[in-house]
């Protein structure tokens, strides 16, 4: 699959998504996770791992983008502000 000029495939089995809405967020929204770089368009939760539809293996979402430079991304979980 090519999305915005980026080649996308599973880093484990090399399956290429076809642009359909295979992924589902915990909020129930179904969408193509690569259209939003892993962010749910409904609740805005960012999924840092993506499961392959073909081989069922999980990989870091960023690892699916073939032509991107290899970056080390660190996510920090923060507490929800009260108020």
C-alpha atoms as a PDB file:
ATOM      1  CA  UNK A   1       0.000   0.000   0.000  1.00  0.00           C
ATOM      2  CA  UNK A   2       1.129   3.522  -0.678  1.00  0.00           C
ATOM      3  CA  UNK A   3      -0.234   6.254   1.585  1.00  0.00           C
ATOM      4  CA  UNK A   4       0.766   9.860   0.947  1.00  0.00           C
ATOM      5  CA  UNK A   5       3.712   8.513  -1.034  1.00  0.00           C
ATOM      6  CA  UNK A   6       4.880   6.191   1.755  1.00  0.00           C
ATOM      7  CA  UNK A   7       5.222   2.458   1.166  1.00  0.00           C
ATOM      8  CA  UNK A   8       3.518   0.523   3.966  1.00  0.00           C
ATOM      9  CA  UNK A   9       3.870  -3.172   4.807  1.00  0.00           C
ATOM     10  CA  UNK A  10       3.996  -5.502   7.779  1.00  0.00           C
ATOM     11  CA  UNK A  11       7.561  -5.667   9.101  1.00  0.00           C
ATOM     12  CA  UNK A  12       7.078  -9.351   9.996  1.00  0.00           C
ATOM     13  CA  UNK A  13       5.449 -10.897   6.871  1.00  0.00           C
ATOM     14  CA  UNK A  14       5.548  -7.993   4.367  1.00  0.00           C
ATOM     15  CA  UNK A  15       1.755  -8.012   3.817  1.00  0.00           C
ATOM     16  CA  UNK A  16       0.667  -4.715   2.279  1.00  0.00           C
ATOM     17  CA  UNK A  17      -2.637  -3.230   3.484  1.00  0.00           C
ATOM     18  CA  UNK A  18      -5.088  -2.281   0.751  1.00  0.00           C
ATOM     19  CA  UNK A  19      -6.571   0.830   2.385  1.00  0.00           C
ATOM     20  CA  UNK A  20      -9.645  -0.816   3.909  1.00  0.00           C
ATOM     21  CA  UNK A  21     -10.832  -0.238   7.480  1.00  0.00           C
ATOM     22  CA  UNK A  22      -9.487  -3.396   9.149  1.00  0.00           C
ATOM     23  CA  UNK A  23      -8.424  -1.914  12.508  1.00  0.00           C
ATOM     24  CA  UNK A  24     -10.676  -1.159  15.455  1.00  0.00           C
ATOM     25  CA  UNK A  25      -9.991   1.109  18.416  1.00  0.00           C
ATOM     26  CA  UNK A  26     -11.073   0.353  21.975  1.00  0.00           C
ATOM     27  CA  UNK A  27     -13.764   3.035  21.464  1.00  0.00           C
ATOM     28  CA  UNK A  28     -15.337   0.940  18.667  1.00  0.00           C
ATOM     29  CA  UNK A  29     -14.231   3.081  15.706  1.00  0.00           C
ATOM     30  CA  UNK A  30     -13.118   1.103  12.618  1.00  0.00           C
ATOM     31  CA  UNK A  31     -10.726   2.776  10.198  1.00  0.00           C
ATOM     32  CA  UNK A  32      -7.555   2.382   8.175  1.00  0.00           C
ATOM     33  CA  UNK A  33      -4.926   3.093  10.827  1.00  0.00           C
ATOM     34  CA  UNK A  34      -2.434   4.245   8.191  1.00  0.00           C
ATOM     35  CA  UNK A  35      -4.670   7.133   7.119  1.00  0.00           C
ATOM     36  CA  UNK A  36      -4.033   8.765  10.509  1.00  0.00           C
ATOM     37  CA  UNK A  37      -0.618   7.355  11.484  1.00  0.00           C
ATOM     38  CA  UNK A  38      -2.253   5.246  14.206  1.00  0.00           C
ATOM     39  CA  UNK A  39      -4.466   7.908  15.758  1.00  0.00           C
ATOM     40  CA  UNK A  40      -8.132   6.987  16.147  1.00  0.00           C
ATOM     41  CA  UNK A  41     -10.230   9.576  14.291  1.00  0.00           C
ATOM     42  CA  UNK A  42     -13.017   9.214  16.862  1.00  0.00           C
ATOM     43  CA  UNK A  43     -11.425   9.333  20.331  1.00  0.00           C
ATOM     44  CA  UNK A  44      -7.929  10.537  19.231  1.00  0.00           C
ATOM     45  CA  UNK A  45      -6.129   7.693  21.061  1.00  0.00           C
ATOM     46  CA  UNK A  46      -2.725   7.022  19.453  1.00  0.00           C
ATOM     47  CA  UNK A  47      -2.022   3.337  18.858  1.00  0.00           C
ATOM     48  CA  UNK A  48       1.727   2.793  19.020  1.00  0.00           C
ATOM     49  CA  UNK A  49       1.482  -0.871  17.941  1.00  0.00           C
ATOM     50  CA  UNK A  50      -0.401  -2.314  14.976  1.00  0.00           C
ATOM     51  CA  UNK A  51      -1.497  -5.907  14.444  1.00  0.00           C
ATOM     52  CA  UNK A  52      -1.095  -7.417  10.979  1.00  0.00           C
ATOM     53  CA  UNK A  53      -4.303  -8.717   9.422  1.00  0.00           C
ATOM     54  CA  UNK A  54      -2.364 -11.408   7.523  1.00  0.00           C
ATOM     55  CA  UNK A  55       0.039 -12.897  10.113  1.00  0.00           C
ATOM     56  CA  UNK A  56      -1.608 -11.555  13.330  1.00  0.00           C
ATOM     57  CA  UNK A  57       1.751 -10.362  14.699  1.00  0.00           C
ATOM     58  CA  UNK A  58       2.085  -7.005  16.485  1.00  0.00           C
ATOM     59  CA  UNK A  59       4.727  -4.446  15.501  1.00  0.00           C
ATOM     60  CA  UNK A  60       5.432  -0.827  16.370  1.00  0.00           C
ATOM     61  CA  UNK A  61       3.230   1.296  14.117  1.00  0.00           C
ATOM     62  CA  UNK A  62       6.218   3.290  12.822  1.00  0.00           C
ATOM     63  CA  UNK A  63       7.933   0.056  11.665  1.00  0.00           C
ATOM     64  CA  UNK A  64       5.268  -0.410   8.964  1.00  0.00           C
ATOM     65  CA  UNK A  65       6.476   2.633   7.003  1.00  0.00           C
ATOM     66  CA  UNK A  66       9.170   1.231   4.695  1.00  0.00           C
ATOM     67  CA  UNK A  67      10.728   4.421   3.339  1.00  0.00           C
ATOM     68  CA  UNK A  68      10.873   6.441   6.543  1.00  0.00           C
ATOM     69  CA  UNK A  69      14.256   6.949   8.170  1.00  0.00           C
ATOM     70  CA  UNK A  70      14.751   4.760  11.223  1.00  0.00           C
ATOM     71  CA  UNK A  71      13.845   6.887  14.229  1.00  0.00           C
ATOM     72  CA  UNK A  72      13.721   5.974  17.881  1.00  0.00           C
ATOM     73  CA  UNK A  73      10.448   7.277  19.262  1.00  0.00           C
ATOM     74  CA  UNK A  74       9.788   7.283  22.992  1.00  0.00           C
ATOM     75  CA  UNK A  75       6.233   7.626  24.281  1.00  0.00           C
ATOM     76  CA  UNK A  76       5.648   8.905  27.779  1.00  0.00           C
ATOM     77  CA  UNK A  77       2.383   8.106  29.492  1.00  0.00           C
ATOM     78  CA  UNK A  78       0.995  11.046  31.397  1.00  0.00           C
ATOM     79  CA  UNK A  79      -1.739  11.233  33.955  1.00  0.00           C
ATOM     80  CA  UNK A  80      -5.013  12.821  33.008  1.00  0.00           C
ATOM     81  CA  UNK A  81      -5.396  16.277  34.491  1.00  0.00           C
ATOM     82  CA  UNK A  82      -8.246  16.615  36.964  1.00  0.00           C
ATOM     83  CA  UNK A  83     -10.702  19.371  36.546  1.00  0.00           C
END
